[in-house]
PDB file of all heavy atoms in Angstrom:
ATOM      1  N   ASP A   1     -25.857 115.297 -53.713  1.00  0.00           N
ATOM      2  CA  ASP A   1     -25.273 116.554 -54.180  1.00  0.00           C
ATOM      3  C   ASP A   1     -24.016 116.896 -53.383  1.00  0.00           C
ATOM      4  O   ASP A   1     -22.983 117.288 -53.941  1.00  0.00           O
ATOM      5  CB  ASP A   1     -26.282 117.702 -54.038  1.00  0.00           C
ATOM      6  CG  ASP A   1     -27.474 117.549 -54.967  1.00  0.00           C
ATOM      7  OD1 ASP A   1     -27.324 116.899 -56.014  1.00  0.00           O
ATOM      8  OD2 ASP A   1     -28.551 118.064 -54.618  1.00  0.00           O
ATOM      9  N   LEU A   2     -24.110 116.755 -52.068  1.00  0.00           N
ATOM     10  CA  LEU A   2     -22.982 117.095 -51.197  1.00  0.00           C
ATOM     11  C   LEU A   2     -21.825 116.125 -51.384  1.00  0.00           C
ATOM     12  O   LEU A   2     -20.655 116.529 -51.378  1.00  0.00           O
ATOM     13  CB  LEU A   2     -23.436 117.118 -49.740  1.00  0.00           C
ATOM     14  CG  LEU A   2     -24.422 118.245 -49.383  1.00  0.00           C
ATOM     15  CD1 LEU A   2     -24.983 118.038 -47.983  1.00  0.00           C
ATOM     16  CD2 LEU A   2     -23.745 119.612 -49.494  1.00  0.00           C
ATOM     17  N   ILE A   3     -22.144 114.849 -51.548  1.00  0.00           N
ATOM     18  CA  ILE A   3     -21.096 113.856 -51.780  1.00  0.00           C
ATOM     19  C   ILE A   3     -20.386 114.136 -53.095  1.00  0.00           C
ATOM     20  O   ILE A   3     -19.152 114.064 -53.185  1.00  0.00           O
ATOM     21  CB  ILE A   3     -21.680 112.427 -51.759  1.00  0.00           C
ATOM     22  CG1 ILE A   3     -22.051 112.036 -50.318  1.00  0.00           C
ATOM     23  CG2 ILE A   3     -20.689 111.419 -52.344  1.00  0.00           C
ATOM     24  CD1 ILE A   3     -22.743 110.693 -50.208  1.00  0.00           C
ATOM     25  N   ASP A   4     -21.158 114.482 -54.130  1.00  0.00           N
ATOM     26  CA  ASP A   4     -20.558 114.812 -55.425  1.00  0.00           C
ATOM     27  C   ASP A   4     -19.649 116.038 -55.320  1.00  0.00           C
ATOM     28  O   ASP A   4     -18.565 116.079 -55.915  1.00  0.00           O
ATOM     29  CB  ASP A   4     -21.653 115.077 -56.467  1.00  0.00           C
ATOM     30  CG  ASP A   4     -22.379 113.809 -56.890  1.00  0.00           C
ATOM     31  OD1 ASP A   4     -21.854 112.711 -56.601  1.00  0.00           O
ATOM     32  OD2 ASP A   4     -23.471 113.923 -57.489  1.00  0.00           O
ATOM     33  N   ALA A   5     -20.088 117.040 -54.562  1.00  0.00           N
ATOM     34  CA  ALA A   5     -19.286 118.254 -54.393  1.00  0.00           C
ATOM     35  C   ALA A   5     -17.968 117.941 -53.687  1.00  0.00           C
ATOM     36  O   ALA A   5     -16.906 118.454 -54.062  1.00  0.00           O
ATOM     37  CB  ALA A   5     -20.077 119.300 -53.611  1.00  0.00           C
ATOM     38  N   CYS A   6     -18.031 117.083 -52.664  1.00  0.00           N
ATOM     39  CA  CYS A   6     -16.820 116.687 -51.938  1.00  0.00           C
ATOM     40  C   CYS A   6     -15.885 115.892 -52.844  1.00  0.00           C
ATOM     41  O   CYS A   6     -14.658 116.082 -52.813  1.00  0.00           O
ATOM     42  CB  CYS A   6     -17.182 115.865 -50.705  1.00  0.00           C
ATOM     43  SG  CYS A   6     -18.006 116.808 -49.400  1.00  0.00           S
ATOM     44  N   THR A   7     -16.455 115.004 -53.643  1.00  0.00           N
ATOM     45  CA  THR A   7     -15.649 114.199 -54.565  1.00  0.00           C
ATOM     46  C   THR A   7     -14.930 115.086 -55.573  1.00  0.00           C
ATOM     47  O   THR A   7     -13.743 114.899 -55.860  1.00  0.00           O
ATOM     48  CB  THR A   7     -16.538 113.178 -55.302  1.00  0.00           C
ATOM     49  OG1 THR A   7     -17.133 112.292 -54.343  1.00  0.00           O
ATOM     50  CG2 THR A   7     -15.716 112.360 -56.285  1.00  0.00           C
ATOM     51  N   GLU A   8     -15.648 116.086 -56.110  1.00  0.00           N
ATOM     52  CA  GLU A   8     -15.049 117.003 -57.083  1.00  0.00           C
ATOM     53  C   GLU A   8     -13.948 117.845 -56.440  1.00  0.00           C
ATOM     54  O   GLU A   8     -12.903 118.094 -57.056  1.00  0.00           O
ATOM     55  CB  GLU A   8     -16.130 117.907 -57.672  1.00  0.00           C
ATOM     56  CG  GLU A   8     -17.109 117.169 -58.592  1.00  0.00           C
ATOM     57  CD  GLU A   8     -18.264 118.055 -59.026  1.00  0.00           C
ATOM     58  OE1 GLU A   8     -18.230 119.267 -58.718  1.00  0.00           O
ATOM     59  OE2 GLU A   8     -19.197 117.533 -59.672  1.00  0.00           O
ATOM     60  N   ALA A   9     -14.172 118.282 -55.213  1.00  0.00           N
ATOM     61  CA  ALA A   9     -13.156 119.091 -54.526  1.00  0.00           C
ATOM     62  C   ALA A   9     -11.890 118.284 -54.296  1.00  0.00           C
ATOM     63  O   ALA A   9     -10.772 118.781 -54.485  1.00  0.00           O
ATOM     64  CB  ALA A   9     -13.717 119.610 -53.197  1.00  0.00           C
ATOM     65  N   LEU A  10     -12.046 117.026 -53.879  1.00  0.00           N
ATOM     66  CA  LEU A  10     -10.877 116.177 -53.666  1.00  0.00           C
ATOM     67  C   LEU A  10     -10.150 115.909 -54.975  1.00  0.00           C
ATOM     68  O   LEU A  10      -8.917 115.829 -55.008  1.00  0.00           O
ATOM     69  CB  LEU A  10     -11.291 114.855 -53.018  1.00  0.00           C
ATOM     70  CG  LEU A  10     -11.706 114.935 -51.547  1.00  0.00           C
ATOM     71  CD1 LEU A  10     -12.242 113.593 -51.067  1.00  0.00           C
ATOM     72  CD2 LEU A  10     -10.532 115.370 -50.677  1.00  0.00           C
ATOM     73  N   ALA A  11     -10.908 115.772 -56.055  1.00  0.00           N
ATOM     74  CA  ALA A  11     -10.293 115.538 -57.359  1.00  0.00           C
ATOM     75  C   ALA A  11      -9.443 116.733 -57.780  1.00  0.00           C
ATOM     76  O   ALA A  11      -8.367 116.581 -58.361  1.00  0.00           O
ATOM     77  CB  ALA A  11     -11.369 115.259 -58.413  1.00  0.00           C
ATOM     78  N   GLU A  12      -9.916 117.948 -57.469  1.00  0.00           N
ATOM     79  CA  GLU A  12      -9.159 119.149 -57.813  1.00  0.00           C
ATOM     80  C   GLU A  12      -7.837 119.207 -57.065  1.00  0.00           C
ATOM     81  O   GLU A  12      -6.800 119.576 -57.599  1.00  0.00           O
ATOM     82  CB  GLU A  12      -9.987 120.405 -57.507  1.00  0.00           C
ATOM     83  CG  GLU A  12     -11.190 120.596 -58.400  1.00  0.00           C
ATOM     84  CD  GLU A  12     -10.803 120.956 -59.823  1.00  0.00           C
ATOM     85  OE1 GLU A  12      -9.633 121.299 -60.063  1.00  0.00           O
ATOM     86  OE2 GLU A  12     -11.674 120.896 -60.699  1.00  0.00           O
ATOM     87  N   PHE A  13      -7.865 118.824 -55.763  1.00  0.00           N
ATOM     88  CA  PHE A  13      -6.664 118.881 -54.943  1.00  0.00           C
ATOM     89  C   PHE A  13      -5.715 117.726 -55.238  1.00  0.00           C
ATOM     90  O   PHE A  13      -4.507 117.900 -55.294  1.00  0.00           O
ATOM     91  CB  PHE A  13      -7.034 118.840 -53.447  1.00  0.00           C
ATOM     92  CG  PHE A  13      -7.315 120.201 -52.873  1.00  0.00           C
ATOM     93  CD1 PHE A  13      -8.599 120.698 -52.847  1.00  0.00           C
ATOM     94  CD2 PHE A  13      -6.304 120.985 -52.366  1.00  0.00           C
ATOM     95  CE1 PHE A  13      -8.869 121.952 -52.315  1.00  0.00           C
ATOM     96  CE2 PHE A  13      -6.558 122.230 -51.841  1.00  0.00           C
ATOM     97  CZ  PHE A  13      -7.846 122.728 -51.812  1.00  0.00           C
ATOM     98  N   GLU A  14      -6.271 116.513 -55.387  1.00  0.00           N
ATOM     99  CA  GLU A  14      -5.438 115.316 -55.422  1.00  0.00           C
ATOM    100  C   GLU A  14      -5.300 114.714 -56.810  1.00  0.00           C
ATOM    101  O   GLU A  14      -4.570 113.747 -56.999  1.00  0.00           O
ATOM    102  CB  GLU A  14      -6.003 114.269 -54.452  1.00  0.00           C
ATOM    103  CG  GLU A  14      -6.027 114.790 -53.013  1.00  0.00           C
ATOM    104  CD  GLU A  14      -6.670 113.805 -52.043  1.00  0.00           C
ATOM    105  OE1 GLU A  14      -7.238 112.798 -52.513  1.00  0.00           O
ATOM    106  OE2 GLU A  14      -6.586 114.041 -50.828  1.00  0.00           O
ATOM    107  N   GLY A  15      -6.019 115.252 -57.794  1.00  0.00           N
ATOM    108  CA  GLY A  15      -5.875 114.787 -59.155  1.00  0.00           C
ATOM    109  C   GLY A  15      -6.479 113.429 -59.439  1.00  0.00           C
ATOM    110  O   GLY A  15      -6.168 112.792 -60.432  1.00  0.00           O
ATOM    111  N   ARG A  16      -7.323 112.940 -58.564  1.00  0.00           N
ATOM    112  CA  ARG A  16      -7.991 111.660 -58.806  1.00  0.00           C
ATOM    113  C   ARG A  16      -9.397 111.734 -58.240  1.00  0.00           C
ATOM    114  O   ARG A  16      -9.637 112.371 -57.235  1.00  0.00           O
ATOM    115  CB  ARG A  16      -7.226 110.504 -58.163  1.00  0.00           C
ATOM    116  CG  ARG A  16      -6.922 110.725 -56.687  1.00  0.00           C
ATOM    117  CD  ARG A  16      -6.091 109.594 -56.105  1.00  0.00           C
ATOM    118  NE  ARG A  16      -5.847 109.794 -54.699  1.00  0.00           N
ATOM    119  CZ  ARG A  16      -5.135 108.958 -53.958  1.00  0.00           C
ATOM    120  NH1 ARG A  16      -4.617 107.882 -54.516  1.00  0.00           N
ATOM    121  NH2 ARG A  16      -4.950 109.198 -52.682  1.00  0.00           N
ATOM    122  N   SER A  17     -10.323 111.050 -58.867  1.00  0.00           N
ATOM    123  CA  SER A  17     -11.728 111.184 -58.479  1.00  0.00           C
ATOM    124  C   SER A  17     -12.256 109.895 -57.854  1.00  0.00           C
ATOM    125  O   SER A  17     -13.086 109.210 -58.438  1.00  0.00           O
ATOM    126  CB  SER A  17     -12.575 111.582 -59.693  1.00  0.00           C
ATOM    127  OG  SER A  17     -12.370 110.666 -60.751  1.00  0.00           O
ATOM    128  N   ASN A  18     -11.746 109.549 -56.694  1.00  0.00           N
ATOM    129  CA  ASN A  18     -12.305 108.426 -55.946  1.00  0.00           C
ATOM    130  C   ASN A  18     -13.556 108.913 -55.227  1.00  0.00           C
ATOM    131  O   ASN A  18     -13.484 109.849 -54.425  1.00  0.00           O
ATOM    132  CB  ASN A  18     -11.295 107.890 -54.924  1.00  0.00           C
ATOM    133  CG  ASN A  18     -10.074 107.296 -55.596  1.00  0.00           C
ATOM    134  OD1 ASN A  18     -10.178 106.781 -56.699  1.00  0.00           O
ATOM    135  ND2 ASN A  18      -8.933 107.390 -54.947  1.00  0.00           N
ATOM    136  N   PRO A  19     -14.713 108.317 -55.496  1.00  0.00           N
ATOM    137  CA  PRO A  19     -15.956 108.800 -54.893  1.00  0.00           C
ATOM    138  C   PRO A  19     -15.900 108.767 -53.365  1.00  0.00           C
ATOM    139  O   PRO A  19     -15.385 107.816 -52.766  1.00  0.00           O
ATOM    140  CB  PRO A  19     -17.012 107.817 -55.421  1.00  0.00           C
ATOM    141  CG  PRO A  19     -16.404 107.228 -56.651  1.00  0.00           C
ATOM    142  CD  PRO A  19     -14.934 107.167 -56.392  1.00  0.00           C
ATOM    143  N   VAL A  20     -16.417 109.817 -52.746  1.00  0.00           N
ATOM    144  CA  VAL A  20     -16.531 109.856 -51.291  1.00  0.00           C
ATOM    145  C   VAL A  20     -17.686 108.927 -50.886  1.00  0.00           C
ATOM    146  O   VAL A  20     -18.778 109.007 -51.439  1.00  0.00           O
ATOM    147  CB  VAL A  20     -16.805 111.292 -50.803  1.00  0.00           C
ATOM    148  CG1 VAL A  20     -17.086 111.316 -49.307  1.00  0.00           C
ATOM    149  CG2 VAL A  20     -15.626 112.196 -51.159  1.00  0.00           C
ATOM    150  N   SER A  21     -17.441 108.063 -49.925  1.00  0.00           N
ATOM    151  CA  SER A  21     -18.476 107.120 -49.504  1.00  0.00           C
ATOM    152  C   SER A  21     -19.497 107.799 -48.593  1.00  0.00           C
ATOM    153  O   SER A  21     -19.222 108.844 -47.986  1.00  0.00           O
ATOM    154  CB  SER A  21     -17.853 105.937 -48.764  1.00  0.00           C
ATOM    155  OG  SER A  21     -17.330 106.360 -47.523  1.00  0.00           O
ATOM    156  N   ARG A  22     -20.685 107.204 -48.505  1.00  0.00           N
ATOM    157  CA  ARG A  22     -21.718 107.750 -47.619  1.00  0.00           C
ATOM    158  C   ARG A  22     -21.248 107.705 -46.169  1.00  0.00           C
ATOM    159  O   ARG A  22     -21.542 108.611 -45.385  1.00  0.00           O
ATOM    160  CB  ARG A  22     -23.022 106.960 -47.766  1.00  0.00           C
ATOM    161  CG  ARG A  22     -23.808 107.335 -49.028  1.00  0.00           C
ATOM    162  CD  ARG A  22     -25.159 106.665 -49.065  1.00  0.00           C
ATOM    163  NE  ARG A  22     -25.941 107.175 -50.193  1.00  0.00           N
ATOM    164  CZ  ARG A  22     -27.110 107.760 -50.089  1.00  0.00           C
ATOM    165  NH1 ARG A  22     -27.668 107.922 -48.908  1.00  0.00           N
ATOM    166  NH2 ARG A  22     -27.753 108.194 -51.150  1.00  0.00           N
ATOM    167  N   ARG A  23     -20.534 106.640 -45.823  1.00  0.00           N
ATOM    168  CA  ARG A  23     -20.059 106.516 -44.437  1.00  0.00           C
ATOM    169  C   ARG A  23     -19.087 107.646 -44.104  1.00  0.00           C
ATOM    170  O   ARG A  23     -19.169 108.242 -43.024  1.00  0.00           O
ATOM    171  CB  ARG A  23     -19.372 105.164 -44.248  1.00  0.00           C
ATOM    172  CG  ARG A  23     -18.859 104.942 -42.830  1.00  0.00           C
ATOM    173  CD  ARG A  23     -18.284 103.548 -42.680  1.00  0.00           C
ATOM    174  NE  ARG A  23     -17.793 103.331 -41.325  1.00  0.00           N
ATOM    175  CZ  ARG A  23     -17.231 102.205 -40.902  1.00  0.00           C
ATOM    176  NH1 ARG A  23     -17.109 101.184 -41.740  1.00  0.00           N
ATOM    177  NH2 ARG A  23     -16.792 102.098 -39.667  1.00  0.00           N
ATOM    178  N   THR A  24     -18.176 107.942 -45.038  1.00  0.00           N
ATOM    179  CA  THR A  24     -17.237 109.048 -44.814  1.00  0.00           C
ATOM    180  C   THR A  24     -17.979 110.370 -44.685  1.00  0.00           C
ATOM    181  O   THR A  24     -17.679 111.190 -43.809  1.00  0.00           O
ATOM    182  CB  THR A  24     -16.230 109.126 -45.970  1.00  0.00           C
ATOM    183  OG1 THR A  24     -15.448 107.922 -46.000  1.00  0.00           O
ATOM    184  CG2 THR A  24     -15.294 110.317 -45.811  1.00  0.00           C
ATOM    185  N   PHE A  25     -18.968 110.577 -45.555  1.00  0.00           N
ATOM    186  CA  PHE A  25     -19.768 111.807 -45.508  1.00  0.00           C
ATOM    187  C   PHE A  25     -20.502 111.934 -44.173  1.00  0.00           C
ATOM    188  O   PHE A  25     -20.514 113.000 -43.555  1.00  0.00           O
ATOM    189  CB  PHE A  25     -20.762 111.821 -46.666  1.00  0.00           C
ATOM    190  CG  PHE A  25     -21.719 112.973 -46.619  1.00  0.00           C
ATOM    191  CD1 PHE A  25     -21.319 114.247 -46.991  1.00  0.00           C
ATOM    192  CD2 PHE A  25     -23.028 112.796 -46.184  1.00  0.00           C
ATOM    193  CE1 PHE A  25     -22.201 115.318 -46.943  1.00  0.00           C
ATOM    194  CE2 PHE A  25     -23.913 113.856 -46.133  1.00  0.00           C
ATOM    195  CZ  PHE A  25     -23.494 115.124 -46.512  1.00  0.00           C
ATOM    196  N   GLN A  26     -21.106 110.833 -43.706  1.00  0.00           N
ATOM    197  CA  GLN A  26     -21.816 110.866 -42.424  1.00  0.00           C
ATOM    198  C   GLN A  26     -20.854 111.157 -41.275  1.00  0.00           C
ATOM    199  O   GLN A  26     -21.198 111.877 -40.326  1.00  0.00           O
ATOM    200  CB  GLN A  26     -22.540 109.534 -42.199  1.00  0.00           C
ATOM    201  CG  GLN A  26     -23.666 109.247 -43.182  1.00  0.00           C
ATOM    202  CD  GLN A  26     -24.867 110.177 -43.017  1.00  0.00           C
ATOM    203  OE1 GLN A  26     -24.893 111.026 -42.143  1.00  0.00           O
ATOM    204  NE2 GLN A  26     -25.866 109.997 -43.888  1.00  0.00           N
ATOM    205  N   ASN A  27     -19.631 110.620 -41.363  1.00  0.00           N
ATOM    206  CA  ASN A  27     -18.628 110.914 -40.333  1.00  0.00           C
ATOM    207  C   ASN A  27     -18.257 112.393 -40.331  1.00  0.00           C
ATOM    208  O   ASN A  27     -18.054 113.002 -39.271  1.00  0.00           O
ATOM    209  CB  ASN A  27     -17.373 110.067 -40.555  1.00  0.00           C
ATOM    210  CG  ASN A  27     -17.584 108.612 -40.214  1.00  0.00           C
ATOM    211  OD1 ASN A  27     -18.490 108.262 -39.447  1.00  0.00           O
ATOM    212  ND2 ASN A  27     -16.751 107.746 -40.753  1.00  0.00           N
ATOM    213  N   ASP A  28     -18.171 112.972 -41.530  1.00  0.00           N
ATOM    214  CA  ASP A  28     -17.863 114.409 -41.629  1.00  0.00           C
ATOM    215  C   ASP A  28     -18.988 115.252 -41.021  1.00  0.00           C
ATOM    216  O   ASP A  28     -18.722 116.228 -40.304  1.00  0.00           O
ATOM    217  CB  ASP A  28     -17.661 114.807 -43.093  1.00  0.00           C
ATOM    218  CG  ASP A  28     -16.415 114.202 -43.705  1.00  0.00           C
ATOM    219  OD1 ASP A  28     -15.508 113.833 -42.941  1.00  0.00           O
ATOM    220  OD2 ASP A  28     -16.354 114.096 -44.946  1.00  0.00           O
ATOM    221  N   LEU A  29     -20.230 114.882 -41.297  1.00  0.00           N
ATOM    222  CA  LEU A  29     -21.360 115.605 -40.709  1.00  0.00           C
ATOM    223  C   LEU A  29     -21.336 115.508 -39.193  1.00  0.00           C
ATOM    224  O   LEU A  29     -21.579 116.498 -38.486  1.00  0.00           O
ATOM    225  CB  LEU A  29     -22.688 115.052 -41.234  1.00  0.00           C
ATOM    226  CG  LEU A  29     -23.116 115.420 -42.656  1.00  0.00           C
ATOM    227  CD1 LEU A  29     -24.544 114.942 -42.897  1.00  0.00           C
ATOM    228  CD2 LEU A  29     -23.031 116.925 -42.897  1.00  0.00           C
ATOM    229  N   ALA A  30     -21.053 114.299 -38.695  1.00  0.00           N
ATOM    230  CA  ALA A  30     -20.999 114.101 -37.238  1.00  0.00           C
ATOM    231  C   ALA A  30     -19.898 114.958 -36.624  1.00  0.00           C
ATOM    232  O   ALA A  30     -20.070 115.535 -35.542  1.00  0.00           O
ATOM    233  CB  ALA A  30     -20.776 112.621 -36.923  1.00  0.00           C
ATOM    234  N   LEU A  31     -18.750 115.066 -37.320  1.00  0.00           N
ATOM    235  CA  LEU A  31     -17.651 115.894 -36.838  1.00  0.00           C
ATOM    236  C   LEU A  31     -18.057 117.361 -36.792  1.00  0.00           C
ATOM    237  O   LEU A  31     -17.773 118.074 -35.820  1.00  0.00           O
ATOM    238  CB  LEU A  31     -16.429 115.706 -37.742  1.00  0.00           C
ATOM    239  CG  LEU A  31     -15.185 116.528 -37.406  1.00  0.00           C
ATOM    240  CD1 LEU A  31     -14.637 116.118 -36.052  1.00  0.00           C
ATOM    241  CD2 LEU A  31     -14.122 116.345 -38.486  1.00  0.00           C
ATOM    242  N   MET A  32     -18.741 117.827 -37.831  1.00  0.00           N
ATOM    243  CA  MET A  32     -19.163 119.222 -37.887  1.00  0.00           C
ATOM    244  C   MET A  32     -20.232 119.525 -36.834  1.00  0.00           C
ATOM    245  O   MET A  32     -20.246 120.611 -36.251  1.00  0.00           O
ATOM    246  CB  MET A  32     -19.695 119.557 -39.275  1.00  0.00           C
ATOM    247  CG  MET A  32     -18.641 119.486 -40.381  1.00  0.00           C
ATOM    248  SD  MET A  32     -19.336 119.735 -42.047  1.00  0.00           S
ATOM    249  CE  MET A  32     -19.752 121.482 -41.975  1.00  0.00           C
ATOM    250  N   ARG A  33     -21.104 118.565 -36.580  1.00  0.00           N
ATOM    251  CA  ARG A  33     -22.179 118.783 -35.605  1.00  0.00           C
ATOM    252  C   ARG A  33     -21.686 118.695 -34.167  1.00  0.00           C
ATOM    253  O   ARG A  33     -22.315 119.220 -33.250  1.00  0.00           O
ATOM    254  CB  ARG A  33     -23.277 117.739 -35.813  1.00  0.00           C
ATOM    255  CG  ARG A  33     -24.177 117.992 -37.018  1.00  0.00           C
ATOM    256  CD  ARG A  33     -25.013 116.783 -37.327  1.00  0.00           C
ATOM    257  NE  ARG A  33     -26.110 117.064 -38.259  1.00  0.00           N
ATOM    258  CZ  ARG A  33     -26.714 116.146 -39.001  1.00  0.00           C
ATOM    259  NH1 ARG A  33     -26.338 114.866 -38.918  1.00  0.00           N
ATOM    260  NH2 ARG A  33     -27.689 116.495 -39.813  1.00  0.00           N
ATOM    261  N   SER A  34     -20.558 118.042 -33.969  1.00  0.00           N
ATOM    262  CA  SER A  34     -20.063 117.791 -32.615  1.00  0.00           C
ATOM    263  C   SER A  34     -19.304 118.996 -32.066  1.00  0.00           C
ATOM    264  O   SER A  34     -19.075 119.993 -32.760  1.00  0.00           O
ATOM    265  CB  SER A  34     -19.150 116.567 -32.609  1.00  0.00           C
ATOM    266  OG  SER A  34     -17.897 116.893 -33.206  1.00  0.00           O
ATOM    267  N   ASP A  35     -18.867 118.850 -30.823  1.00  0.00           N
ATOM    268  CA  ASP A  35     -18.090 119.900 -30.160  1.00  0.00           C
ATOM    269  C   ASP A  35     -16.593 119.621 -30.248  1.00  0.00           C
ATOM    270  O   ASP A  35     -15.795 120.345 -29.675  1.00  0.00           O
ATOM    271  CB  ASP A  35     -18.510 119.998 -28.692  1.00  0.00           C
ATOM    272  CG  ASP A  35     -17.898 121.210 -28.000  1.00  0.00           C
ATOM    273  OD1 ASP A  35     -17.913 122.295 -28.605  1.00  0.00           O
ATOM    274  OD2 ASP A  35     -17.380 121.046 -26.874  1.00  0.00           O
ATOM    275  N   ARG A  36     -16.245 118.563 -30.962  1.00  0.00           N
ATOM    276  CA  ARG A  36     -14.838 118.175 -30.995  1.00  0.00           C
ATOM    277  C   ARG A  36     -13.951 119.302 -31.498  1.00  0.00           C
ATOM    278  O   ARG A  36     -12.883 119.564 -30.955  1.00  0.00           O
ATOM    279  CB  ARG A  36     -14.649 116.938 -31.881  1.00  0.00           C
ATOM    280  CG  ARG A  36     -13.189 116.515 -31.967  1.00  0.00           C
ATOM    281  CD  ARG A  36     -12.953 115.384 -32.930  1.00  0.00           C
ATOM    282  NE  ARG A  36     -11.553 115.310 -33.262  1.00  0.00           N
ATOM    283  CZ  ARG A  36     -11.050 114.593 -34.233  1.00  0.00           C
ATOM    284  NH1 ARG A  36     -11.848 113.866 -34.988  1.00  0.00           N
ATOM    285  NH2 ARG A  36      -9.761 114.585 -34.489  1.00  0.00           N
ATOM    286  N   LEU A  37     -14.393 119.992 -32.568  1.00  0.00           N
ATOM    287  CA  LEU A  37     -13.642 121.121 -33.097  1.00  0.00           C
ATOM    288  C   LEU A  37     -14.261 122.449 -32.689  1.00  0.00           C
ATOM    289  O   LEU A  37     -13.795 123.515 -33.094  1.00  0.00           O
ATOM    290  CB  LEU A  37     -13.562 121.046 -34.629  1.00  0.00           C
ATOM    291  CG  LEU A  37     -12.880 119.798 -35.205  1.00  0.00           C
ATOM    292  CD1 LEU A  37     -12.886 119.851 -36.728  1.00  0.00           C
ATOM    293  CD2 LEU A  37     -11.459 119.678 -34.700  1.00  0.00           C
ATOM    294  N   GLY A  38     -15.339 122.364 -31.914  1.00  0.00           N
ATOM    295  CA  GLY A  38     -16.004 123.583 -31.470  1.00  0.00           C
ATOM    296  C   GLY A  38     -17.014 124.119 -32.451  1.00  0.00           C
ATOM    297  O   GLY A  38     -17.505 125.239 -32.295  1.00  0.00           O
ATOM    298  N   TYR A  39     -17.363 123.347 -33.511  1.00  0.00           N
ATOM    299  CA  TYR A  39     -18.296 123.829 -34.523  1.00  0.00           C
ATOM    300  C   TYR A  39     -19.748 123.809 -34.031  1.00  0.00           C
ATOM    301  O   TYR A  39     -20.463 124.800 -34.142  1.00  0.00           O
ATOM    302  CB  TYR A  39     -18.204 122.984 -35.802  1.00  0.00           C
ATOM    303  CG  TYR A  39     -16.898 123.126 -36.549  1.00  0.00           C
ATOM    304  CD1 TYR A  39     -16.424 122.091 -37.346  1.00  0.00           C
ATOM    305  CD2 TYR A  39     -16.142 124.290 -36.481  1.00  0.00           C
ATOM    306  CE1 TYR A  39     -15.233 122.210 -38.049  1.00  0.00           C
ATOM    307  CE2 TYR A  39     -14.963 124.418 -37.170  1.00  0.00           C
ATOM    308  CZ  TYR A  39     -14.506 123.378 -37.949  1.00  0.00           C
ATOM    309  OH  TYR A  39     -13.341 123.495 -38.639  1.00  0.00           O
ATOM    310  N   ASN A  40     -20.198 122.649 -33.538  1.00  0.00           N
ATOM    311  CA  ASN A  40     -21.610 122.476 -33.181  1.00  0.00           C
ATOM    312  C   ASN A  40     -22.505 122.955 -34.318  1.00  0.00           C
ATOM    313  O   ASN A  40     -23.487 123.675 -34.118  1.00  0.00           O
ATOM    314  CB  ASN A  40     -21.949 123.240 -31.893  1.00  0.00           C
ATOM    315  CG  ASN A  40     -21.227 122.655 -30.685  1.00  0.00           C
ATOM    316  OD1 ASN A  40     -21.352 121.472 -30.393  1.00  0.00           O
ATOM    317  ND2 ASN A  40     -20.457 123.482 -29.998  1.00  0.00           N
TER     318      ASN A  40
END
């Protein structure tokens, strides 16, 4: 569900619907969970 939502959002911005890969999605989750941007 989350991957589909990300794919649709990118399609709206960039005009093309290249599916977001699971690896990219997992990297995004890791970024959000980390302290790199202060999100945790």
